[in-house]
Full PDB file with SEQRES, HELIX, SHEET, SSBOND, CRYST1, ORIGX, SCALE, CONECT and MASTER records, all heavy atoms in Angstrom:
SEQRES   1 A   41  LYS ASN PRO ASP LEU ALA LYS THR LEU THR MET ILE ARG          
SEQRES   2 A   41  ASP ASN GLY ALA ASP ALA PHE TYR LYS GLY GLU VAL ALA          
SEQRES   3 A   41  GLU ALA MET VAL LYS ALA VAL GLN GLU SER GLY GLY ILE          
SEQRES   4 A   41  LEU THR                                                      
HELIX    1 AA1 PRO A    3  ASN A   15  1                                  13    
HELIX    2 AA2 ASP A   18  TYR A   21  1                                   4    
HELIX    3 AA3 GLU A   24  GLU A   35  1                                  12    
CRYST1    1.000    1.000    1.000  90.00  90.00  90.00 P 1           1          
ORIGX1      1.000000  0.000000  0.000000        0.00000                         
ORIGX2      0.000000  1.000000  0.000000        0.00000                         
ORIGX3      0.000000  0.000000  1.000000        0.00000                         
SCALE1      1.000000  0.000000  0.000000        0.00000                         
SCALE2      0.000000  1.000000  0.000000        0.00000                         
SCALE3      0.000000  0.000000  1.000000        0.00000                         
ATOM      1  N   LYS A   1     -21.642  -2.642  12.410  1.00  0.00           N  
ATOM      2  CA  LYS A   1     -21.246  -1.381  13.078  1.00  0.00           C  
ATOM      3  C   LYS A   1     -19.760  -1.437  13.121  1.00  0.00           C  
ATOM      4  O   LYS A   1     -19.179  -2.477  13.285  1.00  0.00           O  
ATOM      5  CB  LYS A   1     -21.842  -1.296  14.539  1.00  0.00           C  
ATOM      6  CG  LYS A   1     -23.369  -1.261  14.507  1.00  0.00           C  
ATOM      7  CD  LYS A   1     -23.939  -1.031  15.945  1.00  0.00           C  
ATOM      8  CE  LYS A   1     -25.517  -0.942  15.916  1.00  0.00           C  
ATOM      9  NZ  LYS A   1     -26.083  -0.897  17.233  1.00  0.00           N  
ATOM     10  N   ASN A   2     -19.157  -0.259  13.150  1.00  0.00           N  
ATOM     11  CA  ASN A   2     -17.659  -0.192  13.144  1.00  0.00           C  
ATOM     12  C   ASN A   2     -17.224   0.935  13.987  1.00  0.00           C  
ATOM     13  O   ASN A   2     -16.805   2.126  13.545  1.00  0.00           O  
ATOM     14  CB  ASN A   2     -17.146   0.020  11.775  1.00  0.00           C  
ATOM     15  CG  ASN A   2     -15.592  -0.207  11.675  1.00  0.00           C  
ATOM     16  OD1 ASN A   2     -14.972  -0.163  12.569  1.00  0.00           O  
ATOM     17  ND2 ASN A   2     -15.162  -0.547  10.444  1.00  0.00           N  
ATOM     18  N   PRO A   3     -17.367   0.860  15.313  1.00  0.00           N  
ATOM     19  CA  PRO A   3     -16.962   1.910  16.289  1.00  0.00           C  
ATOM     20  C   PRO A   3     -15.561   2.349  16.200  1.00  0.00           C  
ATOM     21  O   PRO A   3     -15.153   3.505  16.479  1.00  0.00           O  
ATOM     22  CB  PRO A   3     -17.331   1.298  17.626  1.00  0.00           C  
ATOM     23  CG  PRO A   3     -17.425  -0.181  17.424  1.00  0.00           C  
ATOM     24  CD  PRO A   3     -17.789  -0.329  16.020  1.00  0.00           C  
ATOM     25  N   ASP A   4     -14.677   1.417  15.811  1.00  0.00           N  
ATOM     26  CA  ASP A   4     -13.220   1.827  15.631  1.00  0.00           C  
ATOM     27  C   ASP A   4     -13.046   2.784  14.519  1.00  0.00           C  
ATOM     28  O   ASP A   4     -12.187   3.684  14.621  1.00  0.00           O  
ATOM     29  CB  ASP A   4     -12.409   0.397  15.383  1.00  0.00           C  
ATOM     30  CG  ASP A   4     -12.217  -0.410  16.656  1.00  0.00           C  
ATOM     31  OD1 ASP A   4     -12.426   0.194  17.774  1.00  0.00           O  
ATOM     32  OD2 ASP A   4     -11.885  -1.562  16.578  1.00  0.00           O  
ATOM     33  N   LEU A   5     -13.772   2.507  13.422  1.00  0.00           N  
ATOM     34  CA  LEU A   5     -13.600   3.580  12.332  1.00  0.00           C  
ATOM     35  C   LEU A   5     -14.139   4.838  12.711  1.00  0.00           C  
ATOM     36  O   LEU A   5     -13.652   5.876  12.326  1.00  0.00           O  
ATOM     37  CB  LEU A   5     -14.335   2.895  11.068  1.00  0.00           C  
ATOM     38  CG  LEU A   5     -14.451   3.870   9.837  1.00  0.00           C  
ATOM     39  CD1 LEU A   5     -13.017   4.061   9.301  1.00  0.00           C  
ATOM     40  CD2 LEU A   5     -15.135   3.123   8.706  1.00  0.00           C  
ATOM     41  N   ALA A   6     -15.311   4.756  13.429  1.00  0.00           N  
ATOM     42  CA  ALA A   6     -15.858   6.064  13.882  1.00  0.00           C  
ATOM     43  C   ALA A   6     -14.865   6.849  14.782  1.00  0.00           C  
ATOM     44  O   ALA A   6     -14.747   8.105  14.586  1.00  0.00           O  
ATOM     45  CB  ALA A   6     -17.065   5.854  14.716  1.00  0.00           C  
ATOM     46  N   LYS A   7     -14.157   6.093  15.553  1.00  0.00           N  
ATOM     47  CA  LYS A   7     -13.049   6.737  16.322  1.00  0.00           C  
ATOM     48  C   LYS A   7     -11.954   7.405  15.478  1.00  0.00           C  
ATOM     49  O   LYS A   7     -11.586   8.507  15.756  1.00  0.00           O  
ATOM     50  CB  LYS A   7     -12.414   5.790  17.200  1.00  0.00           C  
ATOM     51  CG  LYS A   7     -11.293   6.278  18.152  1.00  0.00           C  
ATOM     52  CD  LYS A   7     -10.660   5.174  19.020  1.00  0.00           C  
ATOM     53  CE  LYS A   7      -9.932   4.101  18.267  1.00  0.00           C  
ATOM     54  NZ  LYS A   7      -9.263   3.104  19.113  1.00  0.00           N  
ATOM     55  N   THR A   8     -11.489   6.696  14.467  1.00  0.00           N  
ATOM     56  CA  THR A   8     -10.423   7.184  13.614  1.00  0.00           C  
ATOM     57  C   THR A   8     -10.993   8.363  12.814  1.00  0.00           C  
ATOM     58  O   THR A   8     -10.230   9.424  12.742  1.00  0.00           O  
ATOM     59  CB  THR A   8     -10.049   6.025  12.558  1.00  0.00           C  
ATOM     60  OG1 THR A   8      -9.622   4.916  13.268  1.00  0.00           O  
ATOM     61  CG2 THR A   8      -8.978   6.619  11.654  1.00  0.00           C  
ATOM     62  N   LEU A   9     -12.178   8.374  12.333  1.00  0.00           N  
ATOM     63  CA  LEU A   9     -12.740   9.408  11.651  1.00  0.00           C  
ATOM     64  C   LEU A   9     -12.872  10.660  12.429  1.00  0.00           C  
ATOM     65  O   LEU A   9     -12.699  11.847  12.030  1.00  0.00           O  
ATOM     66  CB  LEU A   9     -14.095   9.025  10.990  1.00  0.00           C  
ATOM     67  CG  LEU A   9     -14.065   8.015   9.864  1.00  0.00           C  
ATOM     68  CD1 LEU A   9     -15.476   7.604   9.394  1.00  0.00           C  
ATOM     69  CD2 LEU A   9     -13.268   8.498   8.648  1.00  0.00           C  
ATOM     70  N   THR A  10     -13.365  10.361  13.720  1.00  0.00           N  
ATOM     71  CA  THR A  10     -13.405  11.508  14.681  1.00  0.00           C  
ATOM     72  C   THR A  10     -12.134  12.179  14.910  1.00  0.00           C  
ATOM     73  O   THR A  10     -11.984  13.468  14.981  1.00  0.00           O  
ATOM     74  CB  THR A  10     -13.960  11.111  15.952  1.00  0.00           C  
ATOM     75  OG1 THR A  10     -15.299  10.474  15.792  1.00  0.00           O  
ATOM     76  CG2 THR A  10     -14.124  12.198  16.967  1.00  0.00           C  
ATOM     77  N   MET A  11     -10.931  11.451  15.079  1.00  0.00           N  
ATOM     78  CA  MET A  11      -9.779  11.995  15.168  1.00  0.00           C  
ATOM     79  C   MET A  11      -9.283  12.813  14.016  1.00  0.00           C  
ATOM     80  O   MET A  11      -8.730  13.942  14.210  1.00  0.00           O  
ATOM     81  CB  MET A  11      -8.663  10.846  15.394  1.00  0.00           C  
ATOM     82  CG  MET A  11      -8.926  10.030  16.704  1.00  0.00           C  
ATOM     83  SD  MET A  11      -7.928   8.599  16.800  1.00  0.00           S  
ATOM     84  CE  MET A  11      -6.203   9.225  16.949  1.00  0.00           C  
ATOM     85  N   ILE A  12      -9.592  12.346  12.791  1.00  0.00           N  
ATOM     86  CA  ILE A  12      -9.236  13.162  11.583  1.00  0.00           C  
ATOM     87  C   ILE A  12     -10.074  14.425  11.624  1.00  0.00           C  
ATOM     88  O   ILE A  12      -9.664  15.553  11.273  1.00  0.00           O  
ATOM     89  CB  ILE A  12      -9.497  12.216  10.317  1.00  0.00           C  
ATOM     90  CG1 ILE A  12      -8.492  11.122  10.321  1.00  0.00           C  
ATOM     91  CG2 ILE A  12      -9.330  13.240   9.040  1.00  0.00           C  
ATOM     92  CD1 ILE A  12      -8.757  10.078   9.238  1.00  0.00           C  
ATOM     93  N   ARG A  13     -11.384  14.224  11.955  1.00  0.00           N  
ATOM     94  CA  ARG A  13     -12.321  15.386  11.968  1.00  0.00           C  
ATOM     95  C   ARG A  13     -11.753  16.494  12.830  1.00  0.00           C  
ATOM     96  O   ARG A  13     -11.723  17.684  12.464  1.00  0.00           O  
ATOM     97  CB  ARG A  13     -13.723  15.011  12.442  1.00  0.00           C  
ATOM     98  CG  ARG A  13     -14.678  16.147  12.458  1.00  0.00           C  
ATOM     99  CD  ARG A  13     -15.876  15.746  13.299  1.00  0.00           C  
ATOM    100  NE  ARG A  13     -15.498  15.575  14.672  1.00  0.00           N  
ATOM    101  CZ  ARG A  13     -16.396  15.147  15.665  1.00  0.00           C  
ATOM    102  NH1 ARG A  13     -17.521  14.711  15.347  1.00  0.00           N  
ATOM    103  NH2 ARG A  13     -15.930  14.993  16.842  1.00  0.00           N  
ATOM    104  N   ASP A  14     -11.223  16.030  14.006  1.00  0.00           N  
ATOM    105  CA  ASP A  14     -10.809  17.108  15.012  1.00  0.00           C  
ATOM    106  C   ASP A  14      -9.388  17.576  14.812  1.00  0.00           C  
ATOM    107  O   ASP A  14      -9.111  18.735  15.281  1.00  0.00           O  
ATOM    108  CB  ASP A  14     -10.958  16.454  16.389  1.00  0.00           C  
ATOM    109  CG  ASP A  14     -12.375  16.076  16.882  1.00  0.00           C  
ATOM    110  OD1 ASP A  14     -13.281  16.584  16.166  1.00  0.00           O  
ATOM    111  OD2 ASP A  14     -12.592  15.307  17.647  1.00  0.00           O  
ATOM    112  N   ASN A  15      -8.461  16.802  14.159  1.00  0.00           N  
ATOM    113  CA  ASN A  15      -7.140  17.159  14.071  1.00  0.00           C  
ATOM    114  C   ASN A  15      -6.424  17.124  12.700  1.00  0.00           C  
ATOM    115  O   ASN A  15      -5.225  17.326  12.600  1.00  0.00           O  
ATOM    116  CB  ASN A  15      -6.319  16.344  15.022  1.00  0.00           C  
ATOM    117  CG  ASN A  15      -6.729  16.447  16.522  1.00  0.00           C  
ATOM    118  OD1 ASN A  15      -6.557  17.434  17.090  1.00  0.00           O  
ATOM    119  ND2 ASN A  15      -7.336  15.360  17.151  1.00  0.00           N  
ATOM    120  N   GLY A  16      -7.290  16.937  11.697  1.00  0.00           N  
ATOM    121  CA  GLY A  16      -6.846  16.927  10.438  1.00  0.00           C  
ATOM    122  C   GLY A  16      -5.909  15.791   9.974  1.00  0.00           C  
ATOM    123  O   GLY A  16      -5.959  14.709  10.648  1.00  0.00           O  
ATOM    124  N   ALA A  17      -5.126  16.010   8.908  1.00  0.00           N  
ATOM    125  CA  ALA A  17      -4.401  14.918   8.402  1.00  0.00           C  
ATOM    126  C   ALA A  17      -3.297  14.408   9.300  1.00  0.00           C  
ATOM    127  O   ALA A  17      -2.947  13.187   9.258  1.00  0.00           O  
ATOM    128  CB  ALA A  17      -3.655  15.327   7.110  1.00  0.00           C  
ATOM    129  N   ASP A  18      -2.810  15.140  10.308  1.00  0.00           N  
ATOM    130  CA  ASP A  18      -1.721  14.741  11.149  1.00  0.00           C  
ATOM    131  C   ASP A  18      -2.358  13.605  12.117  1.00  0.00           C  
ATOM    132  O   ASP A  18      -1.492  12.798  12.488  1.00  0.00           O  
ATOM    133  CB  ASP A  18      -1.226  15.907  11.999  1.00  0.00           C  
ATOM    134  CG  ASP A  18      -0.244  16.797  11.273  1.00  0.00           C  
ATOM    135  OD1 ASP A  18       0.205  16.474  10.134  1.00  0.00           O  
ATOM    136  OD2 ASP A  18       0.092  17.803  11.831  1.00  0.00           O  
ATOM    137  N   ALA A  19      -3.608  13.589  12.258  1.00  0.00           N  
ATOM    138  CA  ALA A  19      -4.132  12.510  13.152  1.00  0.00           C  
ATOM    139  C   ALA A  19      -4.033  11.123  12.450  1.00  0.00           C  
ATOM    140  O   ALA A  19      -4.102  10.220  13.141  1.00  0.00           O  
ATOM    141  CB  ALA A  19      -5.594  12.778  13.451  1.00  0.00           C  
ATOM    142  N   PHE A  20      -3.928  11.158  11.183  1.00  0.00           N  
ATOM    143  CA  PHE A  20      -3.786   9.924  10.496  1.00  0.00           C  
ATOM    144  C   PHE A  20      -2.297   9.536  10.159  1.00  0.00           C  
ATOM    145  O   PHE A  20      -1.868   8.486  10.262  1.00  0.00           O  
ATOM    146  CB  PHE A  20      -4.585   9.999   9.188  1.00  0.00           C  
ATOM    147  CG  PHE A  20      -4.657   8.781   8.342  1.00  0.00           C  
ATOM    148  CD1 PHE A  20      -5.491   7.709   8.754  1.00  0.00           C  
ATOM    149  CD2 PHE A  20      -3.758   8.588   7.237  1.00  0.00           C  
ATOM    150  CE1 PHE A  20      -5.620   6.572   7.960  1.00  0.00           C  
ATOM    151  CE2 PHE A  20      -3.813   7.433   6.474  1.00  0.00           C  
ATOM    152  CZ  PHE A  20      -4.750   6.397   6.892  1.00  0.00           C  
ATOM    153  N   TYR A  21      -1.532  10.591   9.623  1.00  0.00           N  
ATOM    154  CA  TYR A  21      -0.137  10.322   9.157  1.00  0.00           C  
ATOM    155  C   TYR A  21       0.962  10.379  10.323  1.00  0.00           C  
ATOM    156  O   TYR A  21       1.985  10.114   9.991  1.00  0.00           O  
ATOM    157  CB  TYR A  21       0.187  11.264   8.005  1.00  0.00           C  
ATOM    158  CG  TYR A  21      -0.598  11.069   6.781  1.00  0.00           C  
ATOM    159  CD1 TYR A  21      -1.769  11.676   6.562  1.00  0.00           C  
ATOM    160  CD2 TYR A  21      -0.237  10.057   5.872  1.00  0.00           C  
ATOM    161  CE1 TYR A  21      -2.583  11.388   5.477  1.00  0.00           C  
ATOM    162  CE2 TYR A  21      -0.933   9.901   4.726  1.00  0.00           C  
ATOM    163  CZ  TYR A  21      -2.120  10.475   4.503  1.00  0.00           C  
ATOM    164  OH  TYR A  21      -2.943  10.199   3.438  1.00  0.00           O  
ATOM    165  N   LYS A  22       0.513  10.822  11.447  1.00  0.00           N  
ATOM    166  CA  LYS A  22       1.394  10.868  12.524  1.00  0.00           C  
ATOM    167  C   LYS A  22       0.692  10.422  13.783  1.00  0.00           C  
ATOM    168  O   LYS A  22      -0.438  10.219  13.822  1.00  0.00           O  
ATOM    169  CB  LYS A  22       1.866  12.305  12.810  1.00  0.00           C  
ATOM    170  CG  LYS A  22       2.681  13.014  11.642  1.00  0.00           C  
ATOM    171  CD  LYS A  22       2.912  14.373  11.721  1.00  0.00           C  
ATOM    172  CE  LYS A  22       3.647  15.001  10.643  1.00  0.00           C  
ATOM    173  NZ  LYS A  22       3.994  16.533  10.776  1.00  0.00           N  
ATOM    174  N   GLY A  23       1.393  10.135  14.767  1.00  0.00           N  
ATOM    175  CA  GLY A  23       0.879   9.712  16.097  1.00  0.00           C  
ATOM    176  C   GLY A  23       0.426   8.264  16.119  1.00  0.00           C  
ATOM    177  O   GLY A  23       0.904   7.397  15.413  1.00  0.00           O  
ATOM    178  N   GLU A  24      -0.617   8.033  17.029  1.00  0.00           N  
ATOM    179  CA  GLU A  24      -1.012   6.596  17.301  1.00  0.00           C  
ATOM    180  C   GLU A  24      -1.617   5.918  16.157  1.00  0.00           C  
ATOM    181  O   GLU A  24      -1.411   4.745  15.961  1.00  0.00           O  
ATOM    182  CB  GLU A  24      -2.028   6.707  18.491  1.00  0.00           C  
ATOM    183  CG  GLU A  24      -3.373   7.373  18.137  1.00  0.00           C  
ATOM    184  CD  GLU A  24      -4.281   7.320  19.442  1.00  0.00           C  
ATOM    185  OE1 GLU A  24      -4.157   8.193  20.318  1.00  0.00           O  
ATOM    186  OE2 GLU A  24      -5.188   6.398  19.463  1.00  0.00           O  
ATOM    187  N   VAL A  25      -2.350   6.566  15.215  1.00  0.00           N  
ATOM    188  CA  VAL A  25      -2.941   5.878  14.030  1.00  0.00           C  
ATOM    189  C   VAL A  25      -1.758   5.483  13.194  1.00  0.00           C  
ATOM    190  O   VAL A  25      -1.760   4.274  12.678  1.00  0.00           O  
ATOM    191  CB  VAL A  25      -3.831   6.757  13.332  1.00  0.00           C  
ATOM    192  CG1 VAL A  25      -4.520   5.980  12.073  1.00  0.00           C  
ATOM    193  CG2 VAL A  25      -5.067   7.188  14.242  1.00  0.00           C  
ATOM    194  N   ALA A  26      -0.791   6.209  12.959  1.00  0.00           N  
ATOM    195  CA  ALA A  26       0.288   5.987  12.061  1.00  0.00           C  
ATOM    196  C   ALA A  26       1.085   4.799  12.636  1.00  0.00           C  
ATOM    197  O   ALA A  26       1.558   3.884  11.989  1.00  0.00           O  
ATOM    198  CB  ALA A  26       1.188   7.134  11.854  1.00  0.00           C  
ATOM    199  N   GLU A  27       1.259   4.886  14.043  1.00  0.00           N  
ATOM    200  CA  GLU A  27       2.088   3.777  14.687  1.00  0.00           C  
ATOM    201  C   GLU A  27       1.338   2.520  14.561  1.00  0.00           C  
ATOM    202  O   GLU A  27       1.984   1.463  14.297  1.00  0.00           O  
ATOM    203  CB  GLU A  27       2.237   4.206  16.183  1.00  0.00           C  
ATOM    204  CG  GLU A  27       3.190   5.461  16.346  1.00  0.00           C  
ATOM    205  CD  GLU A  27       3.181   5.888  17.821  1.00  0.00           C  
ATOM    206  OE1 GLU A  27       2.349   5.373  18.600  1.00  0.00           O  
ATOM    207  OE2 GLU A  27       3.883   6.724  18.138  1.00  0.00           O  
ATOM    208  N   ALA A  28      -0.046   2.473  14.598  1.00  0.00           N  
ATOM    209  CA  ALA A  28      -0.728   1.263  14.495  1.00  0.00           C  
ATOM    210  C   ALA A  28      -0.641   0.694  13.060  1.00  0.00           C  
ATOM    211  O   ALA A  28      -0.520  -0.573  12.766  1.00  0.00           O  
ATOM    212  CB  ALA A  28      -2.232   1.484  14.855  1.00  0.00           C  
ATOM    213  N   MET A  29      -0.577   1.619  12.057  1.00  0.00           N  
ATOM    214  CA  MET A  29      -0.476   1.179  10.648  1.00  0.00           C  
ATOM    215  C   MET A  29       0.877   0.487  10.470  1.00  0.00           C  
ATOM    216  O   MET A  29       0.986  -0.527   9.847  1.00  0.00           O  
ATOM    217  CB  MET A  29      -0.706   2.368   9.756  1.00  0.00           C  
ATOM    218  CG  MET A  29      -2.014   2.697   9.401  1.00  0.00           C  
ATOM    219  SD  MET A  29      -2.226   3.919   8.053  1.00  0.00           S  
ATOM    220  CE  MET A  29      -1.914   5.465   8.885  1.00  0.00           C  
ATOM    221  N   VAL A  30       1.900   1.245  10.938  1.00  0.00           N  
ATOM    222  CA  VAL A  30       3.286   0.661  10.737  1.00  0.00           C  
ATOM    223  C   VAL A  30       3.486  -0.822  11.438  1.00  0.00           C  
ATOM    224  O   VAL A  30       4.040  -1.633  10.851  1.00  0.00           O  
ATOM    225  CB  VAL A  30       4.289   1.656  11.265  1.00  0.00           C  
ATOM    226  CG1 VAL A  30       5.606   1.027  11.384  1.00  0.00           C  
ATOM    227  CG2 VAL A  30       4.361   2.970  10.368  1.00  0.00           C  
ATOM    228  N   LYS A  31       2.937  -0.734  12.642  1.00  0.00           N  
ATOM    229  CA  LYS A  31       3.023  -2.045  13.453  1.00  0.00           C  
ATOM    230  C   LYS A  31       2.281  -3.126  12.749  1.00  0.00           C  
ATOM    231  O   LYS A  31       2.857  -4.257  12.461  1.00  0.00           O  
ATOM    232  CB  LYS A  31       2.257  -1.883  14.777  1.00  0.00           C  
ATOM    233  CG  LYS A  31       2.434  -3.085  15.745  1.00  0.00           C  
ATOM    234  CD  LYS A  31       1.959  -2.693  17.096  1.00  0.00           C  
ATOM    235  CE  LYS A  31       1.896  -3.924  18.154  1.00  0.00           C  
ATOM    236  NZ  LYS A  31       1.045  -4.919  17.802  1.00  0.00           N  
ATOM    237  N   ALA A  32       1.092  -2.960  12.175  1.00  0.00           N  
ATOM    238  CA  ALA A  32       0.322  -4.018  11.520  1.00  0.00           C  
ATOM    239  C   ALA A  32       0.985  -4.400  10.290  1.00  0.00           C  
ATOM    240  O   ALA A  32       1.018  -5.635  10.002  1.00  0.00           O  
ATOM    241  CB  ALA A  32      -1.136  -3.466  11.221  1.00  0.00           C  
ATOM    242  N   VAL A  33       1.484  -3.495   9.514  1.00  0.00           N  
ATOM    243  CA  VAL A  33       2.108  -3.792   8.158  1.00  0.00           C  
ATOM    244  C   VAL A  33       3.460  -4.557   8.466  1.00  0.00           C  
ATOM    245  O   VAL A  33       3.647  -5.588   7.764  1.00  0.00           O  
ATOM    246  CB  VAL A  33       2.408  -2.547   7.400  1.00  0.00           C  
ATOM    247  CG1 VAL A  33       3.234  -2.827   6.214  1.00  0.00           C  
ATOM    248  CG2 VAL A  33       1.033  -1.908   6.880  1.00  0.00           C  
ATOM    249  N   GLN A  34       4.336  -4.074   9.335  1.00  0.00           N  
ATOM    250  CA  GLN A  34       5.520  -4.744   9.615  1.00  0.00           C  
ATOM    251  C   GLN A  34       5.388  -6.118  10.157  1.00  0.00           C  
ATOM    252  O   GLN A  34       6.134  -7.059   9.875  1.00  0.00           O  
ATOM    253  CB  GLN A  34       6.489  -3.824  10.387  1.00  0.00           C  
ATOM    254  CG  GLN A  34       6.906  -2.584   9.719  1.00  0.00           C  
ATOM    255  CD  GLN A  34       7.925  -1.790  10.567  1.00  0.00           C  
ATOM    256  OE1 GLN A  34       8.490  -2.179  11.579  1.00  0.00           O  
ATOM    257  NE2 GLN A  34       8.400  -0.638   9.949  1.00  0.00           N  
ATOM    258  N   GLU A  35       4.400  -6.272  11.055  1.00  0.00           N  
ATOM    259  CA  GLU A  35       4.180  -7.624  11.649  1.00  0.00           C  
ATOM    260  C   GLU A  35       3.768  -8.619  10.600  1.00  0.00           C  
ATOM    261  O   GLU A  35       3.833  -9.869  10.735  1.00  0.00           O  
ATOM    262  CB  GLU A  35       3.117  -7.492  12.766  1.00  0.00           C  
ATOM    263  CG  GLU A  35       3.652  -6.926  14.085  1.00  0.00           C  
ATOM    264  CD  GLU A  35       2.650  -6.895  15.095  1.00  0.00           C  
ATOM    265  OE1 GLU A  35       1.435  -7.053  14.827  1.00  0.00           O  
ATOM    266  OE2 GLU A  35       2.971  -6.623  16.337  1.00  0.00           O  
ATOM    267  N   SER A  36       3.237  -8.110   9.438  1.00  0.00           N  
ATOM    268  CA  SER A  36       2.862  -8.979   8.392  1.00  0.00           C  
ATOM    269  C   SER A  36       3.884  -8.923   7.173  1.00  0.00           C  
ATOM    270  O   SER A  36       3.549  -9.352   6.184  1.00  0.00           O  
ATOM    271  CB  SER A  36       1.477  -8.535   7.801  1.00  0.00           C  
ATOM    272  OG  SER A  36       0.960  -9.350   6.848  1.00  0.00           O  
ATOM    273  N   GLY A  37       5.080  -8.576   7.621  1.00  0.00           N  
ATOM    274  CA  GLY A  37       6.205  -8.738   6.604  1.00  0.00           C  
ATOM    275  C   GLY A  37       6.367  -7.493   5.711  1.00  0.00           C  
ATOM    276  O   GLY A  37       7.281  -7.496   4.804  1.00  0.00           O  
ATOM    277  N   GLY A  38       5.715  -6.433   6.020  1.00  0.00           N  
ATOM    278  CA  GLY A  38       5.922  -5.189   5.080  1.00  0.00           C  
ATOM    279  C   GLY A  38       7.008  -4.322   5.603  1.00  0.00           C  
ATOM    280  O   GLY A  38       7.616  -4.626   6.685  1.00  0.00           O  
ATOM    281  N   ILE A  39       7.232  -3.154   4.968  1.00  0.00           N  
ATOM    282  CA  ILE A  39       8.394  -2.342   5.248  1.00  0.00           C  
ATOM    283  C   ILE A  39       7.844  -0.891   5.521  1.00  0.00           C  
ATOM    284  O   ILE A  39       8.764   0.070   5.490  1.00  0.00           O  
ATOM    285  CB  ILE A  39       9.381  -2.412   4.109  1.00  0.00           C  
ATOM    286  CG1 ILE A  39       8.868  -1.946   2.800  1.00  0.00           C  
ATOM    287  CG2 ILE A  39      10.121  -3.720   4.089  1.00  0.00           C  
ATOM    288  CD1 ILE A  39       9.820  -1.786   1.716  1.00  0.00           C  
ATOM    289  N   LEU A  40       6.619  -0.675   5.543  1.00  0.00           N  
ATOM    290  CA  LEU A  40       6.121   0.733   5.859  1.00  0.00           C  
ATOM    291  C   LEU A  40       6.732   1.324   7.065  1.00  0.00           C  
ATOM    292  O   LEU A  40       6.808   0.627   8.132  1.00  0.00           O  
ATOM    293  CB  LEU A  40       4.629   0.655   6.006  1.00  0.00           C  
ATOM    294  CG  LEU A  40       3.843   2.048   6.062  1.00  0.00           C  
ATOM    295  CD1 LEU A  40       3.936   2.849   4.737  1.00  0.00           C  
ATOM    296  CD2 LEU A  40       2.419   1.800   6.513  1.00  0.00           C  
ATOM    297  N   THR A  41       7.049   2.552   7.109  1.00  0.00           N  
ATOM    298  CA  THR A  41       7.703   3.264   8.168  1.00  0.00           C  
ATOM    299  C   THR A  41       6.910   4.518   8.594  1.00  0.00           C  
ATOM    300  O   THR A  41       6.127   5.028   7.827  1.00  0.00           O  
ATOM    301  CB  THR A  41       9.119   3.638   7.887  1.00  0.00           C  
ATOM    302  OG1 THR A  41       9.172   4.672   6.954  1.00  0.00           O  
ATOM    303  CG2 THR A  41       9.947   2.413   7.496  1.00  0.00           C  
TER     304      THR A  41                                                      
MASTER        0    0    0    3    0    0    0    6  303    1    0    4          
END                                                                             
């Protein structure tokens, strides 16, 4: 089971692409990538 993924998909369902490319999901992506040595912004 992956309730975290269900949460993310629900956010995209309700708010479209901005729910993924902006806001808290985007911030979490950038944080995870940069903490692992990446340069995503």
